[in-house]
Amino acid sequence: IGNLTRDIELRYAASGTAIASFGLASNRRKKNGDQWEDETSYIKCVAFQTLAENLAQSADKGTRLIVSGYLKQNDWTDKDGNERRELELVVNDAGLELRFDPAAHQRAERTTHRDRAAAAAADPDPF
């Protein structure tokens, strides 16, 4: 559970697969003696296909989300030759966290990623 740290970045792979990238800030309160302290974890997240598109339409910076998925470690070498690695959460499910704010549900027409890929191929620059 966390708040979006920025607007969701939605892009499409050459295959037409939707990819949403976003960050979550997850806060945890802990007591240290008589004082309460906030501890924040920043989590890099990625979602694919219909979930990616639905997230991009439904949430923006500051939105509180509940997400689940799995951690994936990415390793690469940067331009200076340094070995780098990062963890990201590959999101399989997501929803709005409703403890503090209400939300309205809107059912969308269902399409497959193949339908969207065909539409993207027909109109590669929809903007």
N, C-alpha and C. Protein backbone atom coordinates (compact mmCIF):
# COMPACT_ATOMS: atom_id res chain seq x y z
N ILE A 1 0.86 -1.17 0.00
CA ILE A 1 0.00 0.00 0.00
C ILE A 1 0.90 1.23 0.00
N GLY A 2 0.60 2.17 -0.89
CA GLY A 2 1.41 3.38 -0.93
C GLY A 2 0.79 4.43 -1.82
N ASN A 3 1.41 5.60 -1.84
CA ASN A 3 0.97 6.73 -2.66
C ASN A 3 1.85 6.84 -3.89
N LEU A 4 1.21 7.14 -5.04
CA LEU A 4 1.99 7.34 -6.26
C LEU A 4 2.89 8.55 -6.10
N THR A 5 4.16 8.39 -6.42
CA THR A 5 5.12 9.48 -6.28
C THR A 5 5.15 10.40 -7.49
N ARG A 6 4.54 9.94 -8.59
CA ARG A 6 4.50 10.72 -9.84
C ARG A 6 3.36 10.18 -10.68
N ASP A 7 3.00 10.91 -11.72
CA ASP A 7 1.99 10.39 -12.64
C ASP A 7 2.53 9.12 -13.31
N ILE A 8 1.63 8.22 -13.64
CA ILE A 8 2.01 6.97 -14.27
C ILE A 8 2.46 7.24 -15.70
N GLU A 9 3.59 6.64 -16.08
CA GLU A 9 4.11 6.75 -17.45
C GLU A 9 3.62 5.53 -18.22
N LEU A 10 2.78 5.76 -19.22
CA LEU A 10 2.24 4.67 -20.04
C LEU A 10 2.89 4.72 -21.40
N ARG A 11 3.45 3.58 -21.82
CA ARG A 11 4.05 3.48 -23.15
C ARG A 11 3.68 2.12 -23.73
N TYR A 12 3.97 1.94 -25.01
CA TYR A 12 3.63 0.70 -25.70
C TYR A 12 4.88 0.10 -26.32
N ALA A 13 5.07 -1.19 -26.13
CA ALA A 13 6.16 -1.91 -26.78
C ALA A 13 5.82 -2.06 -28.26
N ALA A 14 6.80 -2.42 -29.07
CA ALA A 14 6.58 -2.61 -30.50
C ALA A 14 5.50 -3.65 -30.77
N SER A 15 5.34 -4.60 -29.85
CA SER A 15 4.32 -5.64 -30.00
C SER A 15 2.92 -5.13 -29.68
N GLY A 16 2.83 -3.90 -29.13
CA GLY A 16 1.54 -3.33 -28.75
C GLY A 16 1.22 -3.51 -27.28
N THR A 17 2.08 -4.19 -26.54
CA THR A 17 1.85 -4.41 -25.11
C THR A 17 1.98 -3.09 -24.36
N ALA A 18 0.97 -2.76 -23.57
CA ALA A 18 1.00 -1.55 -22.74
C ALA A 18 1.91 -1.80 -21.53
N ILE A 19 2.72 -0.79 -21.20
CA ILE A 19 3.63 -0.87 -20.06
C ILE A 19 3.45 0.40 -19.24
N ALA A 20 3.11 0.24 -17.96
CA ALA A 20 2.96 1.38 -17.06
C ALA A 20 4.09 1.34 -16.04
N SER A 21 4.80 2.45 -15.91
CA SER A 21 5.86 2.58 -14.92
C SER A 21 5.45 3.64 -13.91
N PHE A 22 5.67 3.32 -12.64
CA PHE A 22 5.32 4.29 -11.60
C PHE A 22 6.07 3.96 -10.32
N GLY A 23 6.06 4.90 -9.41
CA GLY A 23 6.69 4.72 -8.12
C GLY A 23 5.67 4.84 -7.01
N LEU A 24 5.86 4.06 -5.96
CA LEU A 24 5.02 4.13 -4.77
C LEU A 24 5.88 4.52 -3.57
N ALA A 25 5.33 5.35 -2.72
CA ALA A 25 5.95 5.66 -1.43
C ALA A 25 5.09 4.99 -0.37
N SER A 26 5.68 4.05 0.32
CA SER A 26 4.97 3.30 1.35
C SER A 26 5.48 3.72 2.72
N ASN A 27 4.58 4.22 3.56
CA ASN A 27 4.96 4.72 4.88
C ASN A 27 4.62 3.71 5.97
N ARG A 28 5.51 3.63 6.93
CA ARG A 28 5.29 2.78 8.09
C ARG A 28 5.64 3.59 9.33
N ARG A 29 4.75 3.56 10.29
CA ARG A 29 5.01 4.26 11.55
C ARG A 29 5.54 3.27 12.55
N LYS A 30 6.56 3.69 13.29
CA LYS A 30 7.09 2.84 14.35
C LYS A 30 7.40 3.71 15.56
N LYS A 31 7.28 3.09 16.71
CA LYS A 31 7.51 3.82 17.94
C LYS A 31 8.96 3.64 18.37
N ASN A 32 9.61 4.75 18.65
CA ASN A 32 10.98 4.76 19.13
C ASN A 32 10.98 5.44 20.49
N GLY A 33 10.90 4.66 21.55
CA GLY A 33 10.76 5.24 22.89
C GLY A 33 9.38 5.84 23.03
N ASP A 34 9.31 7.13 23.33
CA ASP A 34 8.03 7.83 23.44
C ASP A 34 7.63 8.52 22.15
N GLN A 35 8.46 8.46 21.13
CA GLN A 35 8.22 9.17 19.87
C GLN A 35 7.79 8.21 18.77
N TRP A 36 6.90 8.69 17.90
CA TRP A 36 6.53 7.95 16.70
C TRP A 36 7.37 8.47 15.55
N GLU A 37 7.90 7.57 14.74
CA GLU A 37 8.71 7.95 13.59
C GLU A 37 8.10 7.33 12.33
N ASP A 38 8.16 8.08 11.23
CA ASP A 38 7.72 7.57 9.94
C ASP A 38 8.93 7.03 9.19
N GLU A 39 8.75 5.87 8.61
CA GLU A 39 9.79 5.28 7.77
C GLU A 39 9.17 5.08 6.39
N THR A 40 9.78 5.66 5.36
CA THR A 40 9.22 5.60 4.02
C THR A 40 10.10 4.73 3.12
N SER A 41 9.47 3.82 2.40
CA SER A 41 10.15 3.02 1.38
C SER A 41 9.63 3.46 0.02
N TYR A 42 10.55 3.65 -0.92
CA TYR A 42 10.18 4.04 -2.29
C TYR A 42 10.33 2.80 -3.17
N ILE A 43 9.26 2.45 -3.86
CA ILE A 43 9.21 1.21 -4.61
C ILE A 43 8.96 1.51 -6.08
N LYS A 44 9.87 1.03 -6.93
CA LYS A 44 9.70 1.16 -8.38
C LYS A 44 8.77 0.05 -8.84
N CYS A 45 7.74 0.40 -9.62
CA CYS A 45 6.73 -0.57 -10.04
C CYS A 45 6.55 -0.54 -11.55
N VAL A 46 6.13 -1.68 -12.10
CA VAL A 46 5.79 -1.79 -13.51
C VAL A 46 4.60 -2.72 -13.65
N ALA A 47 3.68 -2.38 -14.55
CA ALA A 47 2.50 -3.21 -14.83
C ALA A 47 2.35 -3.31 -16.34
N PHE A 48 1.68 -4.36 -16.79
CA PHE A 48 1.57 -4.62 -18.22
C PHE A 48 0.12 -4.80 -18.66
N GLN A 49 -0.08 -4.68 -19.95
CA GLN A 49 -1.31 -4.96 -20.66
C GLN A 49 -2.49 -4.14 -20.12
N THR A 50 -3.64 -4.77 -19.97
CA THR A 50 -4.85 -4.05 -19.56
C THR A 50 -4.69 -3.38 -18.21
N LEU A 51 -4.01 -4.05 -17.28
CA LEU A 51 -3.79 -3.44 -15.97
C LEU A 51 -3.02 -2.13 -16.11
N ALA A 52 -2.03 -2.10 -16.97
CA ALA A 52 -1.26 -0.87 -17.20
C ALA A 52 -2.14 0.26 -17.69
N GLU A 53 -2.99 -0.04 -18.66
CA GLU A 53 -3.88 0.98 -19.20
C GLU A 53 -4.91 1.44 -18.16
N ASN A 54 -5.46 0.50 -17.41
CA ASN A 54 -6.44 0.87 -16.38
C ASN A 54 -5.81 1.72 -15.29
N LEU A 55 -4.60 1.39 -14.89
CA LEU A 55 -3.91 2.20 -13.89
C LEU A 55 -3.68 3.62 -14.40
N ALA A 56 -3.23 3.74 -15.63
CA ALA A 56 -2.95 5.07 -16.20
C ALA A 56 -4.22 5.92 -16.28
N GLN A 57 -5.36 5.29 -16.52
CA GLN A 57 -6.63 6.02 -16.60
C GLN A 57 -7.21 6.34 -15.22
N SER A 58 -6.83 5.58 -14.22
CA SER A 58 -7.51 5.65 -12.92
C SER A 58 -6.74 6.37 -11.83
N ALA A 59 -5.45 6.54 -11.98
CA ALA A 59 -4.65 7.06 -10.87
C ALA A 59 -3.65 8.09 -11.37
N ASP A 60 -3.35 9.06 -10.51
CA ASP A 60 -2.31 10.03 -10.80
C ASP A 60 -1.53 10.31 -9.52
N LYS A 61 -0.56 11.18 -9.61
CA LYS A 61 0.33 11.46 -8.49
C LYS A 61 -0.47 11.68 -7.20
N GLY A 62 -0.05 11.00 -6.15
CA GLY A 62 -0.70 11.13 -4.84
C GLY A 62 -1.78 10.11 -4.58
N THR A 63 -2.27 9.42 -5.62
CA THR A 63 -3.31 8.41 -5.44
C THR A 63 -2.78 7.28 -4.56
N ARG A 64 -3.61 6.86 -3.63
CA ARG A 64 -3.21 5.76 -2.74
C ARG A 64 -3.67 4.44 -3.35
N LEU A 65 -2.71 3.52 -3.57
CA LEU A 65 -2.97 2.24 -4.22
C LEU A 65 -2.61 1.07 -3.33
N ILE A 66 -3.30 -0.04 -3.57
CA ILE A 66 -2.91 -1.34 -3.02
C ILE A 66 -2.45 -2.15 -4.22
N VAL A 67 -1.23 -2.66 -4.18
CA VAL A 67 -0.71 -3.44 -5.30
C VAL A 67 -0.17 -4.77 -4.78
N SER A 68 -0.18 -5.77 -5.65
CA SER A 68 0.47 -7.04 -5.34
C SER A 68 1.14 -7.54 -6.60
N GLY A 69 2.18 -8.32 -6.40
CA GLY A 69 2.93 -8.86 -7.53
C GLY A 69 4.16 -9.56 -7.01
N TYR A 70 5.23 -9.48 -7.79
CA TYR A 70 6.48 -10.12 -7.38
C TYR A 70 7.66 -9.19 -7.62
N LEU A 71 8.71 -9.39 -6.86
CA LEU A 71 9.92 -8.60 -7.01
C LEU A 71 10.80 -9.19 -8.11
N LYS A 72 11.36 -8.30 -8.92
CA LYS A 72 12.27 -8.71 -9.98
C LYS A 72 13.54 -7.88 -9.86
N GLN A 73 14.68 -8.55 -9.92
CA GLN A 73 15.95 -7.83 -9.86
C GLN A 73 16.46 -7.60 -11.27
N ASN A 74 16.78 -6.36 -11.59
CA ASN A 74 17.34 -6.00 -12.88
C ASN A 74 18.81 -5.66 -12.70
N ASP A 75 19.69 -6.29 -13.48
CA ASP A 75 21.12 -6.04 -13.44
C ASP A 75 21.56 -5.45 -14.78
N TRP A 76 22.46 -4.46 -14.76
CA TRP A 76 22.99 -3.89 -15.97
C TRP A 76 24.31 -3.20 -15.68
N THR A 77 25.00 -2.83 -16.75
CA THR A 77 26.25 -2.09 -16.64
C THR A 77 25.98 -0.68 -17.14
N ASP A 78 26.30 0.33 -16.32
CA ASP A 78 26.04 1.71 -16.72
C ASP A 78 27.10 2.19 -17.72
N LYS A 79 26.94 3.42 -18.18
CA LYS A 79 27.83 3.95 -19.22
C LYS A 79 29.28 4.09 -18.75
N ASP A 80 29.48 4.12 -17.42
CA ASP A 80 30.84 4.21 -16.87
C ASP A 80 31.43 2.84 -16.58
N GLY A 81 30.71 1.77 -16.93
CA GLY A 81 31.21 0.42 -16.72
C GLY A 81 30.93 -0.15 -15.33
N ASN A 82 30.13 0.55 -14.54
CA ASN A 82 29.80 0.06 -13.20
C ASN A 82 28.64 -0.92 -13.25
N GLU A 83 28.76 -2.00 -12.51
CA GLU A 83 27.66 -2.96 -12.40
C GLU A 83 26.57 -2.35 -11.52
N ARG A 84 25.35 -2.36 -12.00
CA ARG A 84 24.22 -1.77 -11.27
C ARG A 84 23.13 -2.81 -11.11
N ARG A 85 22.29 -2.63 -10.09
CA ARG A 85 21.13 -3.49 -9.92
C ARG A 85 20.05 -2.72 -9.19
N GLU A 86 18.82 -3.10 -9.46
CA GLU A 86 17.69 -2.50 -8.78
C GLU A 86 16.58 -3.53 -8.68
N LEU A 87 15.75 -3.34 -7.69
CA LEU A 87 14.56 -4.16 -7.53
C LEU A 87 13.36 -3.38 -8.03
N GLU A 88 12.46 -4.07 -8.71
CA GLU A 88 11.19 -3.46 -9.07
C GLU A 88 10.08 -4.45 -8.76
N LEU A 89 8.92 -3.91 -8.47
CA LEU A 89 7.75 -4.74 -8.22
C LEU A 89 6.98 -4.86 -9.53
N VAL A 90 6.86 -6.08 -10.03
CA VAL A 90 6.04 -6.35 -11.21
C VAL A 90 4.63 -6.56 -10.69
N VAL A 91 3.75 -5.63 -10.99
CA VAL A 91 2.41 -5.60 -10.42
C VAL A 91 1.47 -6.50 -11.22
N ASN A 92 0.84 -7.44 -10.52
CA ASN A 92 -0.15 -8.32 -11.13
C ASN A 92 -1.58 -7.86 -10.86
N ASP A 93 -1.79 -7.20 -9.73
CA ASP A 93 -3.11 -6.70 -9.33
C ASP A 93 -2.94 -5.36 -8.64
N ALA A 94 -3.94 -4.49 -8.80
CA ALA A 94 -3.90 -3.19 -8.17
C ALA A 94 -5.32 -2.70 -7.93
N GLY A 95 -5.46 -1.89 -6.92
CA GLY A 95 -6.75 -1.28 -6.63
C GLY A 95 -6.56 0.00 -5.85
N LEU A 96 -7.58 0.81 -5.84
CA LEU A 96 -7.54 2.04 -5.05
C LEU A 96 -7.75 1.71 -3.59
N GLU A 97 -6.99 2.34 -2.72
CA GLU A 97 -7.13 2.18 -1.29
C GLU A 97 -8.19 3.18 -0.84
N LEU A 98 -9.26 2.69 -0.23
CA LEU A 98 -10.44 3.52 0.03
C LEU A 98 -10.61 3.97 1.48
N ARG A 99 -9.61 3.75 2.32
CA ARG A 99 -9.75 4.12 3.72
C ARG A 99 -9.95 5.63 3.89
N PHE A 100 -9.28 6.43 3.08
CA PHE A 100 -9.34 7.88 3.26
C PHE A 100 -10.16 8.61 2.20
N ASP A 101 -10.35 7.99 1.03
CA ASP A 101 -11.06 8.65 -0.07
C ASP A 101 -12.00 7.67 -0.75
N PRO A 102 -13.19 8.13 -1.17
CA PRO A 102 -14.09 7.26 -1.94
C PRO A 102 -13.67 7.24 -3.41
N ALA A 103 -14.16 6.26 -4.14
CA ALA A 103 -13.89 6.18 -5.58
C ALA A 103 -15.14 5.65 -6.27
N ALA A 104 -15.32 6.04 -7.52
CA ALA A 104 -16.45 5.54 -8.31
C ALA A 104 -15.93 4.46 -9.24
N HIS A 105 -16.70 3.40 -9.38
CA HIS A 105 -16.32 2.30 -10.27
C HIS A 105 -16.96 2.49 -11.62
N GLN A 106 -16.19 2.26 -12.66
CA GLN A 106 -16.71 2.36 -14.03
C GLN A 106 -16.25 1.12 -14.78
N ARG A 107 -17.18 0.33 -15.28
CA ARG A 107 -16.84 -0.88 -16.01
C ARG A 107 -16.45 -0.50 -17.44
N ALA A 108 -15.32 -1.04 -17.89
CA ALA A 108 -14.81 -0.72 -19.21
C ALA A 108 -15.11 -1.85 -20.19
N GLU A 109 -15.17 -1.50 -21.47
CA GLU A 109 -15.31 -2.51 -22.51
C GLU A 109 -14.03 -3.33 -22.54
N ARG A 110 -14.17 -4.64 -22.61
CA ARG A 110 -13.01 -5.53 -22.58
C ARG A 110 -12.44 -5.73 -23.98
N THR A 111 -11.14 -5.52 -24.09
CA THR A 111 -10.41 -5.82 -25.32
C THR A 111 -9.17 -6.60 -24.94
N THR A 112 -8.59 -7.28 -25.88
CA THR A 112 -7.36 -8.02 -25.61
C THR A 112 -6.17 -7.20 -26.05
N HIS A 113 -4.98 -7.59 -25.59
CA HIS A 113 -3.79 -6.87 -26.01
C HIS A 113 -3.56 -7.03 -27.50
N ARG A 114 -4.06 -8.11 -28.11
CA ARG A 114 -3.96 -8.27 -29.57
C ARG A 114 -4.82 -7.23 -30.29
N ASP A 115 -6.02 -6.95 -29.74
CA ASP A 115 -6.87 -5.90 -30.31
C ASP A 115 -6.17 -4.56 -30.27
N ARG A 116 -5.55 -4.26 -29.12
CA ARG A 116 -4.85 -2.98 -28.96
C ARG A 116 -3.62 -2.91 -29.85
N ALA A 117 -2.91 -4.05 -30.02
CA ALA A 117 -1.73 -4.07 -30.89
C ALA A 117 -2.14 -3.80 -32.33
N ALA A 118 -3.25 -4.41 -32.77
CA ALA A 118 -3.73 -4.17 -34.13
C ALA A 118 -4.12 -2.72 -34.32
N ALA A 119 -4.78 -2.12 -33.33
CA ALA A 119 -5.17 -0.71 -33.42
C ALA A 119 -3.92 0.19 -33.44
N ALA A 120 -2.91 -0.16 -32.64
CA ALA A 120 -1.69 0.64 -32.61
C ALA A 120 -0.94 0.54 -33.94
N ALA A 121 -0.96 -0.64 -34.54
CA ALA A 121 -0.29 -0.82 -35.84
C ALA A 121 -1.00 -0.03 -36.93
N ALA A 122 -2.33 0.05 -36.85
CA ALA A 122 -3.10 0.80 -37.84
C ALA A 122 -2.89 2.31 -37.70
N ASP A 123 -2.67 2.76 -36.48
CA ASP A 123 -2.48 4.19 -36.20
C ASP A 123 -1.32 4.33 -35.23
N PRO A 124 -0.06 4.27 -35.72
CA PRO A 124 1.10 4.28 -34.84
C PRO A 124 1.29 5.58 -34.06
N ASP A 125 0.67 6.67 -34.48
CA ASP A 125 0.78 7.94 -33.75
C ASP A 125 -0.62 8.46 -33.45
N PRO A 126 -1.24 7.95 -32.35
CA PRO A 126 -2.62 8.34 -32.07
C PRO A 126 -2.78 9.78 -31.60
N PHE A 127 -1.69 10.52 -31.38
CA PHE A 127 -1.80 11.88 -30.86
C PHE A 127 -1.54 12.90 -31.91
